[in-house]
Amino acid sequence: MSQLNNKSEKKNNSPRVFFKIHRRAKNEILAICDENILGKTLFNEKSSMQVPSKFYKGSEISAFEALQLMKSYNNINIIGSVINLGLEKNLISEDAVIWFSTKDGDKVPHLLIFSMPYL
């Protein structure tokens, strides 16, 4: 797989990725998702989940830029190609990834990172 070093390469080799920041009181959640997963239902052997556009679809960003943005947040909910890039770059542990499938059998990674606020 080619290295993602310049912007034109990032746009051409990656699906469209969206991010949205949710703010409640002092907490922020960074949500990131590939466009082609929005609105789908994903399954694994233990559960299923809807991927709501309203939660994930905000501004478009490249997968590489999203990976850089992750470094600024403690609470993160990501589905899709950004996780694959993070695994490739050894920034995300395979053990932290929850794998789902689409009804067509495509494998989709999901990552949740949450920190507890100080009490």
PDB file of N, CA and C in Angstrom:
ATOM      1  N   MET A   1       0.850  -1.174   0.000  1.00  0.00           N
ATOM      2  CA  MET A   1       0.000   0.000   0.000  1.00  0.00           C
ATOM      3  C   MET A   1       0.893   1.233   0.000  1.00  0.00           C
ATOM      4  N   SER A   2       0.535   2.239  -0.783  1.00  0.00           N
ATOM      5  CA  SER A   2       1.374   3.433  -0.890  1.00  0.00           C
ATOM      6  C   SER A   2       1.296   4.284   0.364  1.00  0.00           C
ATOM      7  N   GLN A   3       2.370   5.030   0.626  1.00  0.00           N
ATOM      8  CA  GLN A   3       2.388   5.958   1.754  1.00  0.00           C
ATOM      9  C   GLN A   3       1.496   7.144   1.434  1.00  0.00           C
ATOM     10  N   LEU A   4       0.826   7.680   2.436  1.00  0.00           N
ATOM     11  CA  LEU A   4      -0.087   8.798   2.242  1.00  0.00           C
ATOM     12  C   LEU A   4       0.633  10.079   2.601  1.00  0.00           C
ATOM     13  N   ASN A   5       1.433  10.609   1.672  1.00  0.00           N
ATOM     14  CA  ASN A   5       2.242  11.780   1.967  1.00  0.00           C
ATOM     15  C   ASN A   5       1.760  13.067   1.343  1.00  0.00           C
ATOM     16  N   ASN A   6       1.067  13.024   0.214  1.00  0.00           N
ATOM     17  CA  ASN A   6       0.614  14.287  -0.344  1.00  0.00           C
ATOM     18  C   ASN A   6      -0.894  14.291  -0.477  1.00  0.00           C
ATOM     19  N   LYS A   7      -1.476  15.497  -0.491  1.00  0.00           N
ATOM     20  CA  LYS A   7      -2.929  15.636  -0.420  1.00  0.00           C
ATOM     21  C   LYS A   7      -3.652  14.979  -1.587  1.00  0.00           C
ATOM     22  N   SER A   8      -3.132  15.076  -2.800  1.00  0.00           N
ATOM     23  CA  SER A   8      -3.834  14.468  -3.937  1.00  0.00           C
ATOM     24  C   SER A   8      -3.860  12.954  -3.803  1.00  0.00           C
ATOM     25  N   GLU A   9      -2.786  12.377  -3.317  1.00  0.00           N
ATOM     26  CA  GLU A   9      -2.748  10.929  -3.113  1.00  0.00           C
ATOM     27  C   GLU A   9      -3.749  10.519  -2.044  1.00  0.00           C
ATOM     28  N   LYS A  10      -3.863  11.306  -0.979  1.00  0.00           N
ATOM     29  CA  LYS A  10      -4.803  10.990   0.100  1.00  0.00           C
ATOM     30  C   LYS A  10      -6.228  10.968  -0.413  1.00  0.00           C
ATOM     31  N   LYS A  11      -6.592  11.971  -1.202  1.00  0.00           N
ATOM     32  CA  LYS A  11      -7.959  12.074  -1.696  1.00  0.00           C
ATOM     33  C   LYS A  11      -8.297  10.933  -2.654  1.00  0.00           C
ATOM     34  N   ASN A  12      -7.339  10.535  -3.510  1.00  0.00           N
ATOM     35  CA  ASN A  12      -7.617   9.536  -4.535  1.00  0.00           C
ATOM     36  C   ASN A  12      -7.655   8.108  -4.015  1.00  0.00           C
ATOM     37  N   ASN A  13      -6.899   7.789  -2.964  1.00  0.00           N
ATOM     38  CA  ASN A  13      -6.791   6.411  -2.497  1.00  0.00           C
ATOM     39  C   ASN A  13      -7.695   6.092  -1.317  1.00  0.00           C
ATOM     40  N   SER A  14      -8.372   7.076  -0.763  1.00  0.00           N
ATOM     41  CA  SER A  14      -9.187   6.857   0.424  1.00  0.00           C
ATOM     42  C   SER A  14     -10.639   7.198   0.139  1.00  0.00           C
ATOM     43  N   PRO A  15     -11.542   6.512   0.838  1.00  0.00           N
ATOM     44  CA  PRO A  15     -12.947   6.911   0.714  1.00  0.00           C
ATOM     45  C   PRO A  15     -13.133   8.286   1.347  1.00  0.00           C
ATOM     46  N   ARG A  16     -14.226   8.939   1.025  1.00  0.00           N
ATOM     47  CA  ARG A  16     -14.533  10.217   1.670  1.00  0.00           C
ATOM     48  C   ARG A  16     -14.786   9.949   3.144  1.00  0.00           C
ATOM     49  N   VAL A  17     -14.164  10.753   3.985  1.00  0.00           N
ATOM     50  CA  VAL A  17     -14.253  10.592   5.432  1.00  0.00           C
ATOM     51  C   VAL A  17     -14.831  11.881   6.024  1.00  0.00           C
ATOM     52  N   PHE A  18     -15.741  11.722   6.981  1.00  0.00           N
ATOM     53  CA  PHE A  18     -16.341  12.871   7.646  1.00  0.00           C
ATOM     54  C   PHE A  18     -16.031  12.829   9.127  1.00  0.00           C
ATOM     55  N   PHE A  19     -15.938  14.025   9.721  1.00  0.00           N
ATOM     56  CA  PHE A  19     -15.789  14.095  11.172  1.00  0.00           C
ATOM     57  C   PHE A  19     -16.751  15.130  11.730  1.00  0.00           C
ATOM     58  N   LYS A  20     -17.105  14.904  12.980  1.00  0.00           N
ATOM     59  CA  LYS A  20     -17.989  15.812  13.688  1.00  0.00           C
ATOM     60  C   LYS A  20     -17.569  15.802  15.147  1.00  0.00           C
ATOM     61  N   ILE A  21     -17.592  16.960  15.769  1.00  0.00           N
ATOM     62  CA  ILE A  21     -17.245  17.061  17.181  1.00  0.00           C
ATOM     63  C   ILE A  21     -18.520  17.356  17.957  1.00  0.00           C
ATOM     64  N   HIS A  22     -18.800  16.503  18.935  1.00  0.00           N
ATOM     65  CA  HIS A  22     -19.982  16.655  19.784  1.00  0.00           C
ATOM     66  C   HIS A  22     -19.521  17.211  21.128  1.00  0.00           C
ATOM     67  N   ARG A  23     -20.146  18.303  21.557  1.00  0.00           N
ATOM     68  CA  ARG A  23     -19.781  18.937  22.828  1.00  0.00           C
ATOM     69  C   ARG A  23     -20.965  18.918  23.781  1.00  0.00           C
ATOM     70  N   ARG A  24     -20.721  18.448  24.986  1.00  0.00           N
ATOM     71  CA  ARG A  24     -21.709  18.462  26.074  1.00  0.00           C
ATOM     72  C   ARG A  24     -20.972  18.845  27.344  1.00  0.00           C
ATOM     73  N   ALA A  25     -21.378  19.950  27.926  1.00  0.00           N
ATOM     74  CA  ALA A  25     -20.718  20.468  29.132  1.00  0.00           C
ATOM     75  C   ALA A  25     -19.213  20.555  28.872  1.00  0.00           C
ATOM     76  N   LYS A  26     -18.416  19.849  29.649  1.00  0.00           N
ATOM     77  CA  LYS A  26     -16.952  19.896  29.492  1.00  0.00           C
ATOM     78  C   LYS A  26     -16.416  18.756  28.631  1.00  0.00           C
ATOM     79  N   ASN A  27     -17.288  17.913  28.120  1.00  0.00           N
ATOM     80  CA  ASN A  27     -16.856  16.745  27.358  1.00  0.00           C
ATOM     81  C   ASN A  27     -16.988  16.973  25.857  1.00  0.00           C
ATOM     82  N   GLU A  28     -16.042  16.421  25.111  1.00  0.00           N
ATOM     83  CA  GLU A  28     -16.083  16.442  23.650  1.00  0.00           C
ATOM     84  C   GLU A  28     -15.859  15.023  23.137  1.00  0.00           C
ATOM     85  N   ILE A  29     -16.594  14.679  22.091  1.00  0.00           N
ATOM     86  CA  ILE A  29     -16.411  13.390  21.417  1.00  0.00           C
ATOM     87  C   ILE A  29     -16.111  13.675  19.952  1.00  0.00           C
ATOM     88  N   LEU A  30     -15.024  13.110  19.463  1.00  0.00           N
ATOM     89  CA  LEU A  30     -14.664  13.194  18.057  1.00  0.00           C
ATOM     90  C   LEU A  30     -15.257  11.973  17.358  1.00  0.00           C
ATOM     91  N   ALA A  31     -16.140  12.207  16.378  1.00  0.00           N
ATOM     92  CA  ALA A  31     -16.762  11.118  15.615  1.00  0.00           C
ATOM     93  C   ALA A  31     -16.219  11.165  14.188  1.00  0.00           C
ATOM     94  N   ILE A  32     -15.766  10.021  13.676  1.00  0.00           N
ATOM     95  CA  ILE A  32     -15.192   9.927  12.330  1.00  0.00           C
ATOM     96  C   ILE A  32     -15.770   8.697  11.641  1.00  0.00           C
ATOM     97  N   CYS A  33     -16.159   8.862  10.365  1.00  0.00           N
ATOM     98  CA  CYS A  33     -16.755   7.741   9.636  1.00  0.00           C
ATOM     99  C   CYS A  33     -16.559   7.908   8.135  1.00  0.00           C
ATOM    100  N   ASP A  34     -16.384   6.795   7.441  1.00  0.00           N
ATOM    101  CA  ASP A  34     -16.354   6.803   5.975  1.00  0.00           C
ATOM    102  C   ASP A  34     -17.752   7.059   5.434  1.00  0.00           C
ATOM    103  N   GLU A  35     -17.825   7.818   4.365  1.00  0.00           N
ATOM    104  CA  GLU A  35     -19.123   8.146   3.768  1.00  0.00           C
ATOM    105  C   GLU A  35     -19.903   6.896   3.363  1.00  0.00           C
ATOM    106  N   ASN A  36     -19.211   5.896   2.821  1.00  0.00           N
ATOM    107  CA  ASN A  36     -19.898   4.703   2.313  1.00  0.00           C
ATOM    108  C   ASN A  36     -20.483   3.810   3.410  1.00  0.00           C
ATOM    109  N   ILE A  37     -20.227   4.140   4.669  1.00  0.00           N
ATOM    110  CA  ILE A  37     -20.768   3.359   5.787  1.00  0.00           C
ATOM    111  C   ILE A  37     -21.959   4.068   6.431  1.00  0.00           C
ATOM    112  N   LEU A  38     -22.077   5.371   6.203  1.00  0.00           N
ATOM    113  CA  LEU A  38     -23.158   6.153   6.809  1.00  0.00           C
ATOM    114  C   LEU A  38     -24.522   5.559   6.484  1.00  0.00           C
ATOM    115  N   GLY A  39     -25.354   5.423   7.498  1.00  0.00           N
ATOM    116  CA  GLY A  39     -26.711   4.913   7.317  1.00  0.00           C
ATOM    117  C   GLY A  39     -26.838   3.401   7.260  1.00  0.00           C
ATOM    118  N   LYS A  40     -25.724   2.698   7.268  1.00  0.00           N
ATOM    119  CA  LYS A  40     -25.773   1.230   7.180  1.00  0.00           C
ATOM    120  C   LYS A  40     -25.946   0.595   8.557  1.00  0.00           C
ATOM    121  N   THR A  41     -26.379  -0.658   8.529  1.00  0.00           N
ATOM    122  CA  THR A  41     -26.420  -1.475   9.730  1.00  0.00           C
ATOM    123  C   THR A  41     -25.255  -2.445   9.643  1.00  0.00           C
ATOM    124  N   LEU A  42     -24.473  -2.521  10.717  1.00  0.00           N
ATOM    125  CA  LEU A  42     -23.317  -3.403  10.776  1.00  0.00           C
ATOM    126  C   LEU A  42     -23.583  -4.508  11.783  1.00  0.00           C
ATOM    127  N   PHE A  43     -22.977  -5.674  11.536  1.00  0.00           N
ATOM    128  CA  PHE A  43     -23.217  -6.852  12.369  1.00  0.00           C
ATOM    129  C   PHE A  43     -21.899  -7.505  12.755  1.00  0.00           C
ATOM    130  N   ASN A  44     -21.899  -8.154  13.909  1.00  0.00           N
ATOM    131  CA  ASN A  44     -20.858  -9.122  14.249  1.00  0.00           C
ATOM    132  C   ASN A  44     -21.534 -10.234  15.026  1.00  0.00           C
ATOM    133  N   GLU A  45     -20.758 -11.175  15.549  1.00  0.00           N
ATOM    134  CA  GLU A  45     -21.365 -12.331  16.209  1.00  0.00           C
ATOM    135  C   GLU A  45     -22.089 -11.980  17.510  1.00  0.00           C
ATOM    136  N   LYS A  46     -21.795 -10.816  18.089  1.00  0.00           N
ATOM    137  CA  LYS A  46     -22.393 -10.435  19.365  1.00  0.00           C
ATOM    138  C   LYS A  46     -23.456  -9.351  19.273  1.00  0.00           C
ATOM    139  N   SER A  47     -23.404  -8.515  18.243  1.00  0.00           N
ATOM    140  CA  SER A  47     -24.328  -7.380  18.201  1.00  0.00           C
ATOM    141  C   SER A  47     -24.468  -6.804  16.791  1.00  0.00           C
ATOM    142  N   SER A  48     -25.338  -5.839  16.707  1.00  0.00           N
ATOM    143  CA  SER A  48     -25.479  -5.063  15.478  1.00  0.00           C
ATOM    144  C   SER A  48     -25.543  -3.591  15.857  1.00  0.00           C
ATOM    145  N   MET A  49     -25.241  -2.729  14.902  1.00  0.00           N
ATOM    146  CA  MET A  49     -25.307  -1.293  15.179  1.00  0.00           C
ATOM    147  C   MET A  49     -25.670  -0.522  13.925  1.00  0.00           C
ATOM    148  N   GLN A  50     -26.438   0.519  14.110  1.00  0.00           N
ATOM    149  CA  GLN A  50     -26.746   1.482  13.048  1.00  0.00           C
ATOM    150  C   GLN A  50     -25.622   2.507  13.030  1.00  0.00           C
ATOM    151  N   VAL A  51     -25.300   3.026  11.858  1.00  0.00           N
ATOM    152  CA  VAL A  51     -24.298   4.081  11.718  1.00  0.00           C
ATOM    153  C   VAL A  51     -25.046   5.343  11.294  1.00  0.00           C
ATOM    154  N   PRO A  52     -25.470   6.156  12.277  1.00  0.00           N
ATOM    155  CA  PRO A  52     -26.311   7.306  11.966  1.00  0.00           C
ATOM    156  C   PRO A  52     -25.538   8.468  11.322  1.00  0.00           C
ATOM    157  N   SER A  53     -26.017   8.929  10.183  1.00  0.00           N
ATOM    158  CA  SER A  53     -25.401  10.065   9.499  1.00  0.00           C
ATOM    159  C   SER A  53     -25.378  11.292  10.390  1.00  0.00           C
ATOM    160  N   LYS A  54     -26.433  11.492  11.147  1.00  0.00           N
ATOM    161  CA  LYS A  54     -26.540  12.677  12.001  1.00  0.00           C
ATOM    162  C   LYS A  54     -25.393  12.745  13.023  1.00  0.00           C
ATOM    163  N   PHE A  55     -24.936  11.606  13.498  1.00  0.00           N
ATOM    164  CA  PHE A  55     -23.866  11.582  14.489  1.00  0.00           C
ATOM    165  C   PHE A  55     -22.493  11.791  13.860  1.00  0.00           C
ATOM    166  N   TYR A  56     -22.255  11.212  12.699  1.00  0.00           N
ATOM    167  CA  TYR A  56     -20.918  11.202  12.102  1.00  0.00           C
ATOM    168  C   TYR A  56     -20.681  12.250  11.017  1.00  0.00           C
ATOM    169  N   LYS A  57     -21.699  12.605  10.252  1.00  0.00           N
ATOM    170  CA  LYS A  57     -21.457  13.435   9.069  1.00  0.00           C
ATOM    171  C   LYS A  57     -21.412  14.912   9.423  1.00  0.00           C
ATOM    172  N   GLY A  58     -20.199  15.437   9.371  1.00  0.00           N
ATOM    173  CA  GLY A  58     -19.963  16.855   9.590  1.00  0.00           C
ATOM    174  C   GLY A  58     -19.140  17.369   8.430  1.00  0.00           C
ATOM    175  N   SER A  59     -17.876  17.656   8.688  1.00  0.00           N
ATOM    176  CA  SER A  59     -16.966  18.176   7.664  1.00  0.00           C
ATOM    177  C   SER A  59     -16.157  17.048   7.050  1.00  0.00           C
ATOM    178  N   GLU A  60     -15.866  17.181   5.757  1.00  0.00           N
ATOM    179  CA  GLU A  60     -15.036  16.183   5.091  1.00  0.00           C
ATOM    180  C   GLU A  60     -13.572  16.408   5.447  1.00  0.00           C
ATOM    181  N   ILE A  61     -12.853  15.301   5.587  1.00  0.00           N
ATOM    182  CA  ILE A  61     -11.436  15.331   5.952  1.00  0.00           C
ATOM    183  C   ILE A  61     -10.792  14.094   5.339  1.00  0.00           C
ATOM    184  N   SER A  62      -9.498  14.144   5.056  1.00  0.00           N
ATOM    185  CA  SER A  62      -8.824  12.934   4.564  1.00  0.00           C
ATOM    186  C   SER A  62      -8.581  11.991   5.740  1.00  0.00           C
ATOM    187  N   ALA A  63      -8.377  10.730   5.452  1.00  0.00           N
ATOM    188  CA  ALA A  63      -8.093   9.752   6.510  1.00  0.00           C
ATOM    189  C   ALA A  63      -6.817  10.127   7.250  1.00  0.00           C
ATOM    190  N   PHE A  64      -5.822  10.607   6.526  1.00  0.00           N
ATOM    191  CA  PHE A  64      -4.566  11.017   7.150  1.00  0.00           C
ATOM    192  C   PHE A  64      -4.786  12.197   8.092  1.00  0.00           C
ATOM    193  N   GLU A  65      -5.545  13.190   7.657  1.00  0.00           N
ATOM    194  CA  GLU A  65      -5.846  14.348   8.508  1.00  0.00           C
ATOM    195  C   GLU A  65      -6.660  13.937   9.736  1.00  0.00           C
ATOM    196  N   ALA A  66      -7.582  13.004   9.554  1.00  0.00           N
ATOM    197  CA  ALA A  66      -8.384  12.512  10.683  1.00  0.00           C
ATOM    198  C   ALA A  66      -7.507  11.821  11.713  1.00  0.00           C
ATOM    199  N   LEU A  67      -6.536  11.061  11.244  1.00  0.00           N
ATOM    200  CA  LEU A  67      -5.608  10.389  12.151  1.00  0.00           C
ATOM    201  C   LEU A  67      -4.829  11.421  12.963  1.00  0.00           C
ATOM    202  N   GLN A  68      -4.434  12.508  12.340  1.00  0.00           N
ATOM    203  CA  GLN A  68      -3.741  13.582  13.058  1.00  0.00           C
ATOM    204  C   GLN A  68      -4.675  14.255  14.065  1.00  0.00           C
ATOM    205  N   LEU A  69      -5.933  14.455  13.686  1.00  0.00           N
ATOM    206  CA  LEU A  69      -6.923  15.081  14.566  1.00  0.00           C
ATOM    207  C   LEU A  69      -7.175  14.253  15.819  1.00  0.00           C
ATOM    208  N   MET A  70      -7.099  12.938  15.694  1.00  0.00           N
ATOM    209  CA  MET A  70      -7.321  12.034  16.833  1.00  0.00           C
ATOM    210  C   MET A  70      -6.398  12.342  18.000  1.00  0.00           C
ATOM    211  N   LYS A  71      -5.217  12.859  17.720  1.00  0.00           N
ATOM    212  CA  LYS A  71      -4.231  13.121  18.762  1.00  0.00           C
ATOM    213  C   LYS A  71      -4.682  14.218  19.727  1.00  0.00           C
ATOM    214  N   SER A  72      -5.708  14.978  19.341  1.00  0.00           N
ATOM    215  CA  SER A  72      -6.177  16.102  20.154  1.00  0.00           C
ATOM    216  C   SER A  72      -7.391  15.779  21.018  1.00  0.00           C
ATOM    217  N   TYR A  73      -7.906  14.553  20.939  1.00  0.00           N
ATOM    218  CA  TYR A  73      -9.137  14.211  21.656  1.00  0.00           C
ATOM    219  C   TYR A  73      -8.963  12.982  22.529  1.00  0.00           C
ATOM    220  N   ASN A  74      -9.655  12.990  23.677  1.00  0.00           N
ATOM    221  CA  ASN A  74      -9.630  11.852  24.599  1.00  0.00           C
ATOM    222  C   ASN A  74     -10.811  10.915  24.384  1.00  0.00           C
ATOM    223  N   ASN A  75     -11.876  11.416  23.770  1.00  0.00           N
ATOM    224  CA  ASN A  75     -13.082  10.636  23.525  1.00  0.00           C
ATOM    225  C   ASN A  75     -13.295  10.550  22.015  1.00  0.00           C
ATOM    226  N   ILE A  76     -13.203   9.332  21.496  1.00  0.00           N
ATOM    227  CA  ILE A  76     -13.198   9.145  20.047  1.00  0.00           C
ATOM    228  C   ILE A  76     -14.087   7.967  19.670  1.00  0.00           C
ATOM    229  N   ASN A  77     -14.848   8.131  18.587  1.00  0.00           N
ATOM    230  CA  ASN A  77     -15.700   7.075  18.041  1.00  0.00           C
ATOM    231  C   ASN A  77     -15.450   7.070  16.534  1.00  0.00           C
ATOM    232  N   ILE A  78     -14.782   6.028  16.043  1.00  0.00           N
ATOM    233  CA  ILE A  78     -14.373   5.976  14.634  1.00  0.00           C
ATOM    234  C   ILE A  78     -14.844   4.681  13.999  1.00  0.00           C
ATOM    235  N   ILE A  79     -15.328   4.808  12.756  1.00  0.00           N
ATOM    236  CA  ILE A  79     -15.682   3.634  11.965  1.00  0.00           C
ATOM    237  C   ILE A  79     -15.059   3.801  10.579  1.00  0.00           C
ATOM    238  N   GLY A  80     -14.252   2.817  10.154  1.00  0.00           N
ATOM    239  CA  GLY A  80     -13.781   2.798   8.775  1.00  0.00           C
ATOM    240  C   GLY A  80     -12.290   2.952   8.544  1.00  0.00           C
ATOM    241  N   SER A  81     -11.953   3.566   7.405  1.00  0.00           N
ATOM    242  CA  SER A  81     -10.595   3.583   6.858  1.00  0.00           C
ATOM    243  C   SER A  81      -9.556   4.252   7.746  1.00  0.00           C
ATOM    244  N   VAL A  82      -9.957   5.185   8.574  1.00  0.00           N
ATOM    245  CA  VAL A  82      -8.999   5.831   9.472  1.00  0.00           C
ATOM    246  C   VAL A  82      -8.378   4.802  10.404  1.00  0.00           C
ATOM    247  N   ILE A  83      -9.165   3.836  10.819  1.00  0.00           N
ATOM    248  CA  ILE A  83      -8.651   2.774  11.686  1.00  0.00           C
ATOM    249  C   ILE A  83      -7.628   1.931  10.935  1.00  0.00           C
ATOM    250  N   ASN A  84      -7.924   1.588   9.698  1.00  0.00           N
ATOM    251  CA  ASN A  84      -6.969   0.814   8.894  1.00  0.00           C
ATOM    252  C   ASN A  84      -5.645   1.554   8.763  1.00  0.00           C
ATOM    253  N   LEU A  85      -5.706   2.870   8.525  1.00  0.00           N
ATOM    254  CA  LEU A  85      -4.490   3.674   8.427  1.00  0.00           C
ATOM    255  C   LEU A  85      -3.756   3.702   9.768  1.00  0.00           C
ATOM    256  N   GLY A  86      -4.501   3.846  10.864  1.00  0.00           N
ATOM    257  CA  GLY A  86      -3.897   3.843  12.197  1.00  0.00           C
ATOM    258  C   GLY A  86      -3.223   2.520  12.527  1.00  0.00           C
ATOM    259  N   LEU A  87      -3.825   1.421  12.101  1.00  0.00           N
ATOM    260  CA  LEU A  87      -3.213   0.102  12.299  1.00  0.00           C
ATOM    261  C   LEU A  87      -1.928  -0.008  11.482  1.00  0.00           C
ATOM    262  N   GLU A  88      -1.983   0.454  10.234  1.00  0.00           N
ATOM    263  CA  GLU A  88      -0.824   0.411   9.341  1.00  0.00           C
ATOM    264  C   GLU A  88       0.337   1.228   9.904  1.00  0.00           C
ATOM    265  N   LYS A  89       0.029   2.357  10.519  1.00  0.00           N
ATOM    266  CA  LYS A  89       1.057   3.254  11.065  1.00  0.00           C
ATOM    267  C   LYS A  89       1.414   2.915  12.518  1.00  0.00           C
ATOM    268  N   ASN A  90       0.850   1.822  13.053  1.00  0.00           N
ATOM    269  CA  ASN A  90       1.091   1.379  14.440  1.00  0.00           C
ATOM    270  C   ASN A  90       0.682   2.422  15.477  1.00  0.00           C
ATOM    271  N   LEU A  91      -0.361   3.183  15.186  1.00  0.00           N
ATOM    272  CA  LEU A  91      -0.896   4.158  16.127  1.00  0.00           C
ATOM    273  C   LEU A  91      -2.117   3.625  16.860  1.00  0.00           C
ATOM    274  N   ILE A  92      -2.693   2.558  16.331  1.00  0.00           N
ATOM    275  CA  ILE A  92      -3.861   1.915  16.934  1.00  0.00           C
ATOM    276  C   ILE A  92      -3.524   0.444  17.118  1.00  0.00           C
ATOM    277  N   SER A  93      -3.875  -0.080  18.284  1.00  0.00           N
ATOM    278  CA  SER A  93      -3.647  -1.491  18.571  1.00  0.00           C
ATOM    279  C   SER A  93      -4.787  -2.329  17.981  1.00  0.00           C
ATOM    280  N   GLU A  94      -4.440  -3.413  17.335  1.00  0.00           N
ATOM    281  CA  GLU A  94      -5.434  -4.342  16.782  1.00  0.00           C
ATOM    282  C   GLU A  94      -6.386  -4.836  17.871  1.00  0.00           C
ATOM    283  N   ASP A  95      -5.877  -4.974  19.099  1.00  0.00           N
ATOM    284  CA  ASP A  95      -6.699  -5.452  20.216  1.00  0.00           C
ATOM    285  C   ASP A  95      -7.832  -4.485  20.575  1.00  0.00           C
ATOM    286  N   ALA A  96      -7.711  -3.218  20.204  1.00  0.00           N
ATOM    287  CA  ALA A  96      -8.721  -2.214  20.541  1.00  0.00           C
ATOM    288  C   ALA A  96      -9.842  -2.137  19.500  1.00  0.00           C
ATOM    289  N   VAL A  97      -9.679  -2.816  18.391  1.00  0.00           N
ATOM    290  CA  VAL A  97     -10.628  -2.714  17.280  1.00  0.00           C
ATOM    291  C   VAL A  97     -11.741  -3.754  17.409  1.00  0.00           C
ATOM    292  N   ILE A  98     -12.964  -3.293  17.199  1.00  0.00           N
ATOM    293  CA  ILE A  98     -14.138  -4.165  17.147  1.00  0.00           C
ATOM    294  C   ILE A  98     -14.490  -4.315  15.669  1.00  0.00           C
ATOM    295  N   TRP A  99     -14.571  -5.533  15.191  1.00  0.00           N
ATOM    296  CA  TRP A  99     -14.849  -5.756  13.770  1.00  0.00           C
ATOM    297  C   TRP A  99     -16.318  -6.066  13.542  1.00  0.00           C
ATOM    298  N   PHE A 100     -16.876  -5.406  12.536  1.00  0.00           N
ATOM    299  CA  PHE A 100     -18.248  -5.631  12.092  1.00  0.00           C
ATOM    300  C   PHE A 100     -18.219  -5.993  10.620  1.00  0.00           C
ATOM    301  N   SER A 101     -19.366  -6.401  10.105  1.00  0.00           N
ATOM    302  CA  SER A 101     -19.526  -6.675   8.677  1.00  0.00           C
ATOM    303  C   SER A 101     -20.777  -5.975   8.180  1.00  0.00           C
ATOM    304  N   THR A 102     -20.760  -5.651   6.895  1.00  0.00           N
ATOM    305  CA  THR A 102     -21.968  -5.141   6.252  1.00  0.00           C
ATOM    306  C   THR A 102     -22.790  -6.344   5.800  1.00  0.00           C
ATOM    307  N   LYS A 103     -24.007  -6.106   5.334  1.00  0.00           N
ATOM    308  CA  LYS A 103     -24.822  -7.226   4.837  1.00  0.00           C
ATOM    309  C   LYS A 103     -24.193  -7.861   3.605  1.00  0.00           C
ATOM    310  N   ASP A 104     -23.282  -7.126   2.919  1.00  0.00           N
ATOM    311  CA  ASP A 104     -22.575  -7.663   1.752  1.00  0.00           C
ATOM    312  C   ASP A 104     -21.312  -8.424   2.130  1.00  0.00           C
ATOM    313  N   GLY A 105     -21.007  -8.480   3.441  1.00  0.00           N
ATOM    314  CA  GLY A 105     -19.842  -9.222   3.903  1.00  0.00           C
ATOM    315  C   GLY A 105     -18.557  -8.411   3.997  1.00  0.00           C
ATOM    316  N   ASP A 106     -18.617  -7.100   3.710  1.00  0.00           N
ATOM    317  CA  ASP A 106     -17.429  -6.262   3.844  1.00  0.00           C
ATOM    318  C   ASP A 106     -17.083  -6.096   5.327  1.00  0.00           C
ATOM    319  N   LYS A 107     -15.799  -6.217   5.670  1.00  0.00           N
ATOM    320  CA  LYS A 107     -15.335  -6.041   7.045  1.00  0.00           C
ATOM    321  C   LYS A 107     -15.156  -4.553   7.332  1.00  0.00           C
ATOM    322  N   VAL A 108     -15.649  -4.117   8.501  1.00  0.00           N
ATOM    323  CA  VAL A 108     -15.601  -2.708   8.887  1.00  0.00           C
ATOM    324  C   VAL A 108     -15.067  -2.609  10.317  1.00  0.00           C
ATOM    325  N   PRO A 109     -13.944  -1.883  10.515  1.00  0.00           N
ATOM    326  CA  PRO A 109     -13.410  -1.716  11.861  1.00  0.00           C
ATOM    327  C   PRO A 109     -14.095  -0.570  12.605  1.00  0.00           C
ATOM    328  N   HIS A 110     -14.233  -0.730  13.922  1.00  0.00           N
ATOM    329  CA  HIS A 110     -14.841   0.285  14.787  1.00  0.00           C
ATOM    330  C   HIS A 110     -13.948   0.436  16.010  1.00  0.00           C
ATOM    331  N   LEU A 111     -13.707   1.687  16.407  1.00  0.00           N
ATOM    332  CA  LEU A 111     -12.841   1.970  17.543  1.00  0.00           C
ATOM    333  C   LEU A 111     -13.511   2.978  18.457  1.00  0.00           C
ATOM    334  N   LEU A 112     -13.565   2.659  19.743  1.00  0.00           N
ATOM    335  CA  LEU A 112     -14.085   3.574  20.761  1.00  0.00           C
ATOM    336  C   LEU A 112     -12.976   3.842  21.773  1.00  0.00           C
ATOM    337  N   ILE A 113     -12.731   5.114  22.041  1.00  0.00           N
ATOM    338  CA  ILE A 113     -11.775   5.504  23.068  1.00  0.00           C
ATOM    339  C   ILE A 113     -12.474   6.540  23.937  1.00  0.00           C
ATOM    340  N   PHE A 114     -12.606   6.241  25.215  1.00  0.00           N
ATOM    341  CA  PHE A 114     -13.265   7.180  26.127  1.00  0.00           C
ATOM    342  C   PHE A 114     -12.444   7.290  27.401  1.00  0.00           C
ATOM    343  N   SER A 115     -12.348   8.496  27.909  1.00  0.00           N
ATOM    344  CA  SER A 115     -11.682   8.707  29.195  1.00  0.00           C
ATOM    345  C   SER A 115     -12.709   9.242  30.183  1.00  0.00           C
ATOM    346  N   MET A 116     -12.529   8.899  31.420  1.00  0.00           N
ATOM    347  CA  MET A 116     -13.425   9.358  32.470  1.00  0.00           C
ATOM    348  C   MET A 116     -12.957  10.736  32.926  1.00  0.00           C
ATOM    349  N   PRO A 117     -13.882  11.682  33.070  1.00  0.00           N
ATOM    350  CA  PRO A 117     -13.480  13.001  33.557  1.00  0.00           C
ATOM    351  C   PRO A 117     -13.123  12.926  35.037  1.00  0.00           C
ATOM    352  N   TYR A 118     -12.297  13.853  35.456  1.00  0.00           N
ATOM    353  CA  TYR A 118     -11.955  13.915  36.886  1.00  0.00           C
ATOM    354  C   TYR A 118     -13.198  14.291  37.666  1.00  0.00           C
ATOM    355  N   LEU A 119     -13.392  13.637  38.803  1.00  0.00           N
ATOM    356  CA  LEU A 119     -14.557  13.918  39.653  1.00  0.00           C
ATOM    357  C   LEU A 119     -14.194  14.857  40.760  1.00  0.00           C
TER     358      LEU A 119
END
